[in-house]
All heavy atoms as atom14 arrays in JSON, in Angstrom:
{
  "sequence": "VRLLSRKNFLRKAKVHLRQNLIATLKGEPDANLDWAMRYCLGRRTD",
  "atom14_mask": [
    [1, 1, 1, 1, 1, 1, 1, 0, 0, 0, 0, 0, 0, 0],
    [1, 1, 1, 1, 1, 1, 1, 1, 1, 1, 1, 0, 0, 0],
    [1, 1, 1, 1, 1, 1, 1, 1, 0, 0, 0, 0, 0, 0],
    [1, 1, 1, 1, 1, 1, 1, 1, 0, 0, 0, 0, 0, 0],
    [1, 1, 1, 1, 1, 1, 0, 0, 0, 0, 0, 0, 0, 0],
    [1, 1, 1, 1, 1, 1, 1, 1, 1, 1, 1, 0, 0, 0],
    [1, 1, 1, 1, 1, 1, 1, 1, 1, 0, 0, 0, 0, 0],
    [1, 1, 1, 1, 1, 1, 1, 1, 0, 0, 0, 0, 0, 0],
    [1, 1, 1, 1, 1, 1, 1, 1, 1, 1, 1, 0, 0, 0],
    [1, 1, 1, 1, 1, 1, 1, 1, 0, 0, 0, 0, 0, 0],
    [1, 1, 1, 1, 1, 1, 1, 1, 1, 1, 1, 0, 0, 0],
    [1, 1, 1, 1, 1, 1, 1, 1, 1, 0, 0, 0, 0, 0],
    [1, 1, 1, 1, 1, 0, 0, 0, 0, 0, 0, 0, 0, 0],
    [1, 1, 1, 1, 1, 1, 1, 1, 1, 0, 0, 0, 0, 0],
    [1, 1, 1, 1, 1, 1, 1, 0, 0, 0, 0, 0, 0, 0],
    [1, 1, 1, 1, 1, 1, 1, 1, 1, 1, 0, 0, 0, 0],
    [1, 1, 1, 1, 1, 1, 1, 1, 0, 0, 0, 0, 0, 0],
    [1, 1, 1, 1, 1, 1, 1, 1, 1, 1, 1, 0, 0, 0],
    [1, 1, 1, 1, 1, 1, 1, 1, 1, 0, 0, 0, 0, 0],
    [1, 1, 1, 1, 1, 1, 1, 1, 0, 0, 0, 0, 0, 0],
    [1, 1, 1, 1, 1, 1, 1, 1, 0, 0, 0, 0, 0, 0],
    [1, 1, 1, 1, 1, 1, 1, 1, 0, 0, 0, 0, 0, 0],
    [1, 1, 1, 1, 1, 0, 0, 0, 0, 0, 0, 0, 0, 0],
    [1, 1, 1, 1, 1, 1, 1, 0, 0, 0, 0, 0, 0, 0],
    [1, 1, 1, 1, 1, 1, 1, 1, 0, 0, 0, 0, 0, 0],
    [1, 1, 1, 1, 1, 1, 1, 1, 1, 0, 0, 0, 0, 0],
    [1, 1, 1, 1, 0, 0, 0, 0, 0, 0, 0, 0, 0, 0],
    [1, 1, 1, 1, 1, 1, 1, 1, 1, 0, 0, 0, 0, 0],
    [1, 1, 1, 1, 1, 1, 1, 0, 0, 0, 0, 0, 0, 0],
    [1, 1, 1, 1, 1, 1, 1, 1, 0, 0, 0, 0, 0, 0],
    [1, 1, 1, 1, 1, 0, 0, 0, 0, 0, 0, 0, 0, 0],
    [1, 1, 1, 1, 1, 1, 1, 1, 0, 0, 0, 0, 0, 0],
    [1, 1, 1, 1, 1, 1, 1, 1, 0, 0, 0, 0, 0, 0],
    [1, 1, 1, 1, 1, 1, 1, 1, 0, 0, 0, 0, 0, 0],
    [1, 1, 1, 1, 1, 1, 1, 1, 1, 1, 1, 1, 1, 1],
    [1, 1, 1, 1, 1, 0, 0, 0, 0, 0, 0, 0, 0, 0],
    [1, 1, 1, 1, 1, 1, 1, 1, 0, 0, 0, 0, 0, 0],
    [1, 1, 1, 1, 1, 1, 1, 1, 1, 1, 1, 0, 0, 0],
    [1, 1, 1, 1, 1, 1, 1, 1, 1, 1, 1, 1, 0, 0],
    [1, 1, 1, 1, 1, 1, 0, 0, 0, 0, 0, 0, 0, 0],
    [1, 1, 1, 1, 1, 1, 1, 1, 0, 0, 0, 0, 0, 0],
    [1, 1, 1, 1, 0, 0, 0, 0, 0, 0, 0, 0, 0, 0],
    [1, 1, 1, 1, 1, 1, 1, 1, 1, 1, 1, 0, 0, 0],
    [1, 1, 1, 1, 1, 1, 1, 1, 1, 1, 1, 0, 0, 0],
    [1, 1, 1, 1, 1, 1, 1, 0, 0, 0, 0, 0, 0, 0],
    [1, 1, 1, 1, 1, 1, 1, 1, 0, 0, 0, 0, 0, 0]
  ],
  "atom14_positions": [
    [[32.36, 117.55, 87.79], [33.28, 117.26, 88.89], [32.87, 118.0, 90.14], [32.84, 117.44, 91.25], [34.73, 117.62, 88.49], [35.65, 117.58, 89.71], [35.25, 116.69, 87.41], [0.0, 0.0, 0.0], [0.0, 0.0, 0.0], [0.0, 0.0, 0.0], [0.0, 0.0, 0.0], [0.0, 0.0, 0.0], [0.0, 0.0, 0.0], [0.0, 0.0, 0.0]],
    [[32.5, 119.27, 90.0], [32.11, 120.06, 91.17], [30.86, 119.48, 91.83], [30.74, 119.48, 93.05], [31.87, 121.52, 90.77], [33.12, 122.22, 90.24], [32.98, 123.73, 90.32], [31.82, 124.27, 89.63], [31.78, 124.54, 88.33], [32.85, 124.28, 87.57], [30.69, 125.04, 87.77], [0.0, 0.0, 0.0], [0.0, 0.0, 0.0], [0.0, 0.0, 0.0]],
    [[29.93, 119.0, 91.02], [28.68, 118.5, 91.57], [28.84, 117.12, 92.21], [28.08, 116.77, 93.12], [27.61, 118.45, 90.48], [27.16, 119.8, 89.94], [26.13, 119.6, 88.83], [26.6, 120.69, 91.04], [0.0, 0.0, 0.0], [0.0, 0.0, 0.0], [0.0, 0.0, 0.0], [0.0, 0.0, 0.0], [0.0, 0.0, 0.0], [0.0, 0.0, 0.0]],
    [[29.8, 116.35, 91.74], [29.97, 114.98, 92.24], [31.11, 114.84, 93.25], [31.17, 113.84, 93.96], [30.22, 114.03, 91.07], [29.07, 113.91, 90.05], [29.49, 113.03, 88.87], [27.82, 113.34, 90.71], [0.0, 0.0, 0.0], [0.0, 0.0, 0.0], [0.0, 0.0, 0.0], [0.0, 0.0, 0.0], [0.0, 0.0, 0.0], [0.0, 0.0, 0.0]],
    [[32.0, 115.83, 93.31], [33.18, 115.72, 94.16], [32.8, 115.71, 95.64], [31.83, 116.36, 96.06], [34.14, 116.87, 93.87], [35.23, 116.84, 94.77], [0.0, 0.0, 0.0], [0.0, 0.0, 0.0], [0.0, 0.0, 0.0], [0.0, 0.0, 0.0], [0.0, 0.0, 0.0], [0.0, 0.0, 0.0], [0.0, 0.0, 0.0], [0.0, 0.0, 0.0]],
    [[33.63, 115.01, 96.42], [33.45, 115.0, 97.87], [34.43, 115.94, 98.56], [34.49, 115.98, 99.8], [33.63, 113.58, 98.41], [32.59, 112.59, 97.89], [32.86, 111.19, 98.38], [32.82, 111.1, 99.83], [33.19, 110.03, 100.51], [33.65, 108.96, 99.88], [33.15, 110.02, 101.84], [0.0, 0.0, 0.0], [0.0, 0.0, 0.0], [0.0, 0.0, 0.0]],
    [[35.21, 116.69, 97.78], [36.14, 117.65, 98.38], [35.34, 118.63, 99.23], [34.28, 119.11, 98.85], [36.93, 118.39, 97.31], [38.0, 117.55, 96.63], [38.79, 118.38, 95.65], [39.88, 117.55, 94.97], [40.9, 117.11, 95.92], [0.0, 0.0, 0.0], [0.0, 0.0, 0.0], [0.0, 0.0, 0.0], [0.0, 0.0, 0.0], [0.0, 0.0, 0.0]],
    [[35.88, 118.98, 100.37], [35.13, 119.76, 101.34], [34.7, 121.11, 100.79], [33.54, 121.52, 100.97], [35.97, 119.94, 102.61], [35.17, 120.59, 103.73], [34.09, 120.14, 104.07], [35.72, 121.67, 104.28], [0.0, 0.0, 0.0], [0.0, 0.0, 0.0], [0.0, 0.0, 0.0], [0.0, 0.0, 0.0], [0.0, 0.0, 0.0], [0.0, 0.0, 0.0]],
    [[35.6, 121.82, 100.09], [35.24, 123.16, 99.65], [34.18, 123.12, 98.54], [33.37, 124.04, 98.42], [36.48, 123.96, 99.21], [37.07, 123.57, 97.87], [36.77, 124.29, 96.73], [37.94, 122.5, 97.77], [37.33, 123.96, 95.51], [38.51, 122.16, 96.56], [38.2, 122.88, 95.42], [0.0, 0.0, 0.0], [0.0, 0.0, 0.0], [0.0, 0.0, 0.0]],
    [[34.15, 122.05, 97.74], [33.1, 121.92, 96.73], [31.79, 121.46, 97.37], [30.7, 121.88, 96.95], [33.54, 120.94, 95.66], [34.77, 121.38, 94.83], [35.21, 120.27, 93.89], [34.46, 122.65, 94.05], [0.0, 0.0, 0.0], [0.0, 0.0, 0.0], [0.0, 0.0, 0.0], [0.0, 0.0, 0.0], [0.0, 0.0, 0.0], [0.0, 0.0, 0.0]],
    [[31.89, 120.63, 98.37], [30.69, 120.22, 99.1], [30.04, 121.43, 99.78], [28.81, 121.56, 99.78], [31.06, 119.16, 100.15], [29.87, 118.62, 100.93], [30.32, 117.68, 102.03], [31.21, 118.35, 102.96], [30.8, 119.15, 103.94], [29.5, 119.39, 104.11], [31.66, 119.72, 104.75], [0.0, 0.0, 0.0], [0.0, 0.0, 0.0], [0.0, 0.0, 0.0]],
    [[30.84, 122.33, 100.34], [30.29, 123.52, 100.99], [29.53, 124.39, 100.0], [28.53, 125.01, 100.36], [31.41, 124.33, 101.66], [31.95, 123.71, 102.93], [32.71, 124.7, 103.77], [33.89, 125.31, 103.07], [34.67, 126.21, 103.96], [0.0, 0.0, 0.0], [0.0, 0.0, 0.0], [0.0, 0.0, 0.0], [0.0, 0.0, 0.0], [0.0, 0.0, 0.0]],
    [[30.02, 124.45, 98.75], [29.32, 125.24, 97.73], [27.93, 124.67, 97.47], [26.96, 125.42, 97.32], [30.14, 125.27, 96.45], [0.0, 0.0, 0.0], [0.0, 0.0, 0.0], [0.0, 0.0, 0.0], [0.0, 0.0, 0.0], [0.0, 0.0, 0.0], [0.0, 0.0, 0.0], [0.0, 0.0, 0.0], [0.0, 0.0, 0.0], [0.0, 0.0, 0.0]],
    [[27.84, 123.34, 97.41], [26.54, 122.71, 97.18], [25.6, 122.91, 98.37], [24.4, 123.18, 98.19], [26.74, 121.22, 96.87], [27.4, 120.96, 95.53], [27.66, 119.48, 95.28], [28.83, 118.96, 96.09], [29.22, 117.58, 95.72], [0.0, 0.0, 0.0], [0.0, 0.0, 0.0], [0.0, 0.0, 0.0], [0.0, 0.0, 0.0], [0.0, 0.0, 0.0]],
    [[26.15, 122.79, 99.56], [25.34, 123.0, 100.77], [24.82, 124.44, 100.81], [23.65, 124.7, 101.12], [26.16, 122.68, 102.03], [25.42, 123.13, 103.29], [26.45, 121.18, 102.1], [0.0, 0.0, 0.0], [0.0, 0.0, 0.0], [0.0, 0.0, 0.0], [0.0, 0.0, 0.0], [0.0, 0.0, 0.0], [0.0, 0.0, 0.0], [0.0, 0.0, 0.0]],
    [[25.71, 125.39, 100.48], [25.32, 126.8, 100.51], [24.21, 127.08, 99.49], [23.26, 127.82, 99.78], [26.54, 127.68, 100.23], [26.25, 129.14, 100.3], [25.99, 129.8, 101.47], [26.17, 130.09, 99.31], [25.77, 131.07, 101.23], [25.86, 131.27, 99.93], [0.0, 0.0, 0.0], [0.0, 0.0, 0.0], [0.0, 0.0, 0.0], [0.0, 0.0, 0.0]],
    [[24.32, 126.49, 98.31], [23.28, 126.68, 97.29], [21.95, 126.1, 97.77], [20.9, 126.74, 97.64], [23.71, 126.02, 95.98], [22.67, 126.04, 94.85], [22.24, 127.47, 94.53], [23.22, 125.33, 93.62], [0.0, 0.0, 0.0], [0.0, 0.0, 0.0], [0.0, 0.0, 0.0], [0.0, 0.0, 0.0], [0.0, 0.0, 0.0], [0.0, 0.0, 0.0]],
    [[21.99, 124.91, 98.33], [20.75, 124.28, 98.81], [20.11, 125.12, 99.92], [18.89, 125.32, 99.92], [21.05, 122.87, 99.31], [19.8, 122.11, 99.76], [20.09, 120.64, 99.94], [21.08, 120.38, 100.98], [22.32, 119.93, 100.73], [22.72, 119.68, 99.5], [23.16, 119.72, 101.74], [0.0, 0.0, 0.0], [0.0, 0.0, 0.0], [0.0, 0.0, 0.0]],
    [[20.91, 125.63, 100.83], [20.38, 126.44, 101.93], [19.72, 127.71, 101.41], [18.65, 128.1, 101.88], [21.51, 126.79, 102.91], [22.01, 125.6, 103.72], [23.24, 125.94, 104.54], [23.96, 126.91, 104.24], [23.5, 125.15, 105.57], [0.0, 0.0, 0.0], [0.0, 0.0, 0.0], [0.0, 0.0, 0.0], [0.0, 0.0, 0.0], [0.0, 0.0, 0.0]],
    [[20.34, 128.35, 100.41], [19.79, 129.59, 99.89], [18.56, 129.34, 99.01], [17.68, 130.19, 98.94], [20.86, 130.36, 99.12], [21.72, 131.21, 100.03], [21.44, 132.37, 100.27], [22.76, 130.59, 100.59], [0.0, 0.0, 0.0], [0.0, 0.0, 0.0], [0.0, 0.0, 0.0], [0.0, 0.0, 0.0], [0.0, 0.0, 0.0], [0.0, 0.0, 0.0]],
    [[18.53, 128.2, 98.35], [17.33, 127.85, 97.59], [16.14, 127.67, 98.52], [15.04, 128.2, 98.28], [17.58, 126.58, 96.78], [16.39, 126.05, 95.96], [15.91, 127.11, 94.97], [16.77, 124.76, 95.25], [0.0, 0.0, 0.0], [0.0, 0.0, 0.0], [0.0, 0.0, 0.0], [0.0, 0.0, 0.0], [0.0, 0.0, 0.0], [0.0, 0.0, 0.0]],
    [[16.36, 126.96, 99.61], [15.29, 126.74, 100.59], [14.87, 128.07, 101.22], [13.68, 128.36, 101.38], [15.75, 125.75, 101.68], [15.95, 124.36, 101.07], [14.75, 125.69, 102.83], [16.62, 123.36, 102.01], [0.0, 0.0, 0.0], [0.0, 0.0, 0.0], [0.0, 0.0, 0.0], [0.0, 0.0, 0.0], [0.0, 0.0, 0.0], [0.0, 0.0, 0.0]],
    [[15.88, 128.9, 101.56], [15.57, 130.2, 102.17], [14.79, 131.1, 101.22], [13.87, 131.82, 101.63], [16.87, 130.9, 102.6], [0.0, 0.0, 0.0], [0.0, 0.0, 0.0], [0.0, 0.0, 0.0], [0.0, 0.0, 0.0], [0.0, 0.0, 0.0], [0.0, 0.0, 0.0], [0.0, 0.0, 0.0], [0.0, 0.0, 0.0], [0.0, 0.0, 0.0]],
    [[15.12, 131.04, 99.93], [14.39, 131.84, 98.93], [12.95, 131.37, 98.81], [12.02, 132.18, 98.75], [15.1, 131.75, 97.57], [16.43, 132.27, 97.68], [14.35, 132.54, 96.51], [0.0, 0.0, 0.0], [0.0, 0.0, 0.0], [0.0, 0.0, 0.0], [0.0, 0.0, 0.0], [0.0, 0.0, 0.0], [0.0, 0.0, 0.0], [0.0, 0.0, 0.0]],
    [[12.76, 130.07, 98.78], [11.41, 129.51, 98.68], [10.56, 129.87, 99.9], [9.34, 130.02, 99.8], [11.47, 127.99, 98.51], [12.08, 127.5, 97.18], [12.23, 126.0, 97.19], [11.22, 127.95, 96.0], [0.0, 0.0, 0.0], [0.0, 0.0, 0.0], [0.0, 0.0, 0.0], [0.0, 0.0, 0.0], [0.0, 0.0, 0.0], [0.0, 0.0, 0.0]],
    [[11.21, 130.04, 101.03], [10.5, 130.41, 102.25], [10.3, 131.92, 102.36], [9.63, 132.39, 103.29], [11.29, 129.93, 103.48], [11.27, 128.41, 103.67], [12.04, 128.03, 104.93], [11.97, 126.54, 105.2], [12.73, 126.17, 106.42], [0.0, 0.0, 0.0], [0.0, 0.0, 0.0], [0.0, 0.0, 0.0], [0.0, 0.0, 0.0], [0.0, 0.0, 0.0]],
    [[10.91, 132.66, 101.41], [10.77, 134.11, 101.43], [11.61, 134.81, 102.47], [11.31, 135.94, 102.88], [0.0, 0.0, 0.0], [0.0, 0.0, 0.0], [0.0, 0.0, 0.0], [0.0, 0.0, 0.0], [0.0, 0.0, 0.0], [0.0, 0.0, 0.0], [0.0, 0.0, 0.0], [0.0, 0.0, 0.0], [0.0, 0.0, 0.0], [0.0, 0.0, 0.0]],
    [[12.68, 134.15, 102.91], [13.55, 134.76, 103.93], [14.32, 135.93, 103.31], [14.91, 135.8, 102.23], [14.5, 133.71, 104.5], [13.77, 132.61, 105.25], [14.71, 131.55, 105.81], [15.94, 131.76, 105.73], [14.22, 130.53, 106.33], [0.0, 0.0, 0.0], [0.0, 0.0, 0.0], [0.0, 0.0, 0.0], [0.0, 0.0, 0.0], [0.0, 0.0, 0.0]],
    [[14.35, 137.09, 103.98], [14.93, 138.3, 103.39], [16.44, 138.24, 103.18], [16.97, 138.96, 102.33], [14.54, 139.4, 104.39], [14.34, 138.67, 105.69], [13.78, 137.33, 105.31], [0.0, 0.0, 0.0], [0.0, 0.0, 0.0], [0.0, 0.0, 0.0], [0.0, 0.0, 0.0], [0.0, 0.0, 0.0], [0.0, 0.0, 0.0], [0.0, 0.0, 0.0]],
    [[17.15, 137.41, 103.95], [18.61, 137.38, 103.85], [19.12, 136.41, 102.79], [20.33, 136.28, 102.6], [19.22, 137.0, 105.2], [18.98, 138.08, 106.26], [18.82, 139.25, 105.85], [18.95, 137.75, 107.45], [0.0, 0.0, 0.0], [0.0, 0.0, 0.0], [0.0, 0.0, 0.0], [0.0, 0.0, 0.0], [0.0, 0.0, 0.0], [0.0, 0.0, 0.0]],
    [[18.25, 135.71, 102.11], [18.68, 134.75, 101.09], [19.35, 135.48, 99.93], [18.94, 136.57, 99.54], [17.48, 133.95, 100.59], [0.0, 0.0, 0.0], [0.0, 0.0, 0.0], [0.0, 0.0, 0.0], [0.0, 0.0, 0.0], [0.0, 0.0, 0.0], [0.0, 0.0, 0.0], [0.0, 0.0, 0.0], [0.0, 0.0, 0.0], [0.0, 0.0, 0.0]],
    [[20.4, 134.86, 99.39], [21.1, 135.44, 98.24], [21.33, 134.31, 97.24], [22.44, 133.79, 97.1], [22.42, 136.08, 98.67], [23.06, 136.89, 97.54], [22.7, 136.74, 96.37], [24.01, 137.74, 97.9], [0.0, 0.0, 0.0], [0.0, 0.0, 0.0], [0.0, 0.0, 0.0], [0.0, 0.0, 0.0], [0.0, 0.0, 0.0], [0.0, 0.0, 0.0]],
    [[20.26, 133.93, 96.56], [20.33, 132.79, 95.65], [21.22, 133.08, 94.44], [21.91, 132.18, 93.96], [18.91, 132.42, 95.19], [18.8, 131.16, 94.32], [19.35, 129.94, 95.04], [17.35, 130.93, 93.91], [0.0, 0.0, 0.0], [0.0, 0.0, 0.0], [0.0, 0.0, 0.0], [0.0, 0.0, 0.0], [0.0, 0.0, 0.0], [0.0, 0.0, 0.0]],
    [[21.22, 134.32, 93.97], [22.05, 134.66, 92.81], [23.52, 134.39, 93.09], [24.21, 133.77, 92.28], [21.86, 136.13, 92.42], [20.51, 136.38, 91.77], [19.86, 135.39, 91.37], [20.11, 137.55, 91.67], [0.0, 0.0, 0.0], [0.0, 0.0, 0.0], [0.0, 0.0, 0.0], [0.0, 0.0, 0.0], [0.0, 0.0, 0.0], [0.0, 0.0, 0.0]],
    [[24.0, 134.86, 94.25], [25.4, 134.64, 94.59], [25.69, 133.15, 94.77], [26.71, 132.64, 94.29], [25.77, 135.4, 95.87], [27.26, 135.47, 96.13], [28.11, 136.46, 95.75], [28.06, 134.48, 96.79], [29.4, 136.16, 96.13], [29.39, 134.94, 96.77], [27.79, 133.24, 97.38], [30.45, 134.22, 97.33], [28.85, 132.52, 97.93], [30.16, 133.01, 97.91]],
    [[24.79, 132.45, 95.45], [24.99, 131.03, 95.71], [25.04, 130.23, 94.41], [25.86, 129.31, 94.26], [23.88, 130.51, 96.61], [0.0, 0.0, 0.0], [0.0, 0.0, 0.0], [0.0, 0.0, 0.0], [0.0, 0.0, 0.0], [0.0, 0.0, 0.0], [0.0, 0.0, 0.0], [0.0, 0.0, 0.0], [0.0, 0.0, 0.0], [0.0, 0.0, 0.0]],
    [[24.2, 130.58, 93.44], [24.21, 129.88, 92.15], [25.48, 130.18, 91.38], [26.1, 129.28, 90.79], [22.97, 130.28, 91.34], [21.65, 129.77, 91.89], [20.23, 130.23, 90.87], [20.59, 129.35, 89.36], [0.0, 0.0, 0.0], [0.0, 0.0, 0.0], [0.0, 0.0, 0.0], [0.0, 0.0, 0.0], [0.0, 0.0, 0.0], [0.0, 0.0, 0.0]],
    [[25.89, 131.45, 91.38], [27.12, 131.81, 90.69], [28.32, 131.09, 91.31], [29.19, 130.55, 90.61], [27.32, 133.32, 90.77], [28.52, 133.83, 89.96], [28.73, 135.32, 90.13], [27.53, 136.07, 89.84], [26.89, 136.82, 90.73], [27.35, 136.94, 91.95], [25.8, 137.48, 90.38], [0.0, 0.0, 0.0], [0.0, 0.0, 0.0], [0.0, 0.0, 0.0]],
    [[28.36, 131.05, 92.62], [29.46, 130.41, 93.34], [29.52, 128.91, 93.07], [30.59, 128.34, 92.8], [29.32, 130.69, 94.84], [30.25, 129.91, 95.73], [31.62, 129.87, 95.49], [29.75, 129.22, 96.83], [32.46, 129.16, 96.33], [30.59, 128.5, 97.67], [31.94, 128.47, 97.42], [32.77, 127.76, 98.23], [0.0, 0.0, 0.0], [0.0, 0.0, 0.0]],
    [[28.39, 128.24, 93.12], [28.38, 126.79, 92.99], [28.41, 126.32, 91.54], [29.12, 125.36, 91.22], [27.12, 126.24, 93.68], [27.01, 124.43, 93.67], [0.0, 0.0, 0.0], [0.0, 0.0, 0.0], [0.0, 0.0, 0.0], [0.0, 0.0, 0.0], [0.0, 0.0, 0.0], [0.0, 0.0, 0.0], [0.0, 0.0, 0.0], [0.0, 0.0, 0.0]],
    [[27.69, 127.0, 90.65], [27.47, 126.48, 89.3], [28.27, 127.2, 88.22], [28.4, 126.69, 87.1], [25.98, 126.55, 88.95], [25.03, 125.85, 89.93], [23.59, 126.08, 89.51], [25.35, 124.36, 90.01], [0.0, 0.0, 0.0], [0.0, 0.0, 0.0], [0.0, 0.0, 0.0], [0.0, 0.0, 0.0], [0.0, 0.0, 0.0], [0.0, 0.0, 0.0]],
    [[28.79, 128.38, 88.52], [29.48, 129.17, 87.5], [30.78, 128.54, 87.04], [31.45, 127.81, 87.79], [0.0, 0.0, 0.0], [0.0, 0.0, 0.0], [0.0, 0.0, 0.0], [0.0, 0.0, 0.0], [0.0, 0.0, 0.0], [0.0, 0.0, 0.0], [0.0, 0.0, 0.0], [0.0, 0.0, 0.0], [0.0, 0.0, 0.0], [0.0, 0.0, 0.0]],
    [[31.14, 128.8, 85.8], [32.41, 128.31, 85.24], [33.57, 129.04, 85.89], [33.64, 130.27, 85.87], [32.43, 128.53, 83.72], [33.69, 128.04, 83.04], [33.52, 128.08, 81.53], [34.77, 127.82, 80.86], [35.61, 128.78, 80.44], [35.27, 130.06, 80.59], [36.74, 128.48, 79.84], [0.0, 0.0, 0.0], [0.0, 0.0, 0.0], [0.0, 0.0, 0.0]],
    [[34.47, 128.3, 86.5], [35.51, 128.9, 87.33], [36.63, 129.5, 86.49], [37.52, 128.8, 86.0], [36.03, 127.87, 88.34], [34.91, 127.42, 89.27], [35.38, 126.83, 90.56], [34.27, 126.78, 91.51], [34.42, 126.64, 92.82], [35.61, 126.56, 93.33], [33.36, 126.62, 93.61], [0.0, 0.0, 0.0], [0.0, 0.0, 0.0], [0.0, 0.0, 0.0]],
    [[36.58, 130.8, 86.37], [37.58, 131.58, 85.64], [37.94, 132.77, 86.51], [37.32, 133.03, 87.55], [37.01, 132.1, 84.31], [35.92, 133.0, 84.6], [36.5, 130.95, 83.43], [0.0, 0.0, 0.0], [0.0, 0.0, 0.0], [0.0, 0.0, 0.0], [0.0, 0.0, 0.0], [0.0, 0.0, 0.0], [0.0, 0.0, 0.0], [0.0, 0.0, 0.0]],
    [[38.96, 133.53, 86.07], [39.32, 134.74, 86.82], [38.15, 135.71, 86.87], [37.9, 136.36, 87.89], [40.52, 135.42, 86.16], [41.8, 134.6, 86.3], [41.84, 133.7, 87.15], [42.76, 134.88, 85.55], [0.0, 0.0, 0.0], [0.0, 0.0, 0.0], [0.0, 0.0, 0.0], [0.0, 0.0, 0.0], [0.0, 0.0, 0.0], [0.0, 0.0, 0.0]]
  ]
}
């Protein structure tokens, strides 16, 4: 649902992950792929 949903806050999570993946591949120092993956793909629990 999170990956297919068009809800704005879920869409932002996917955009953020894509941006950080690209930034990591480019070697940009401010990239935080771990956080972006946890935020977008992690099982949503407390």
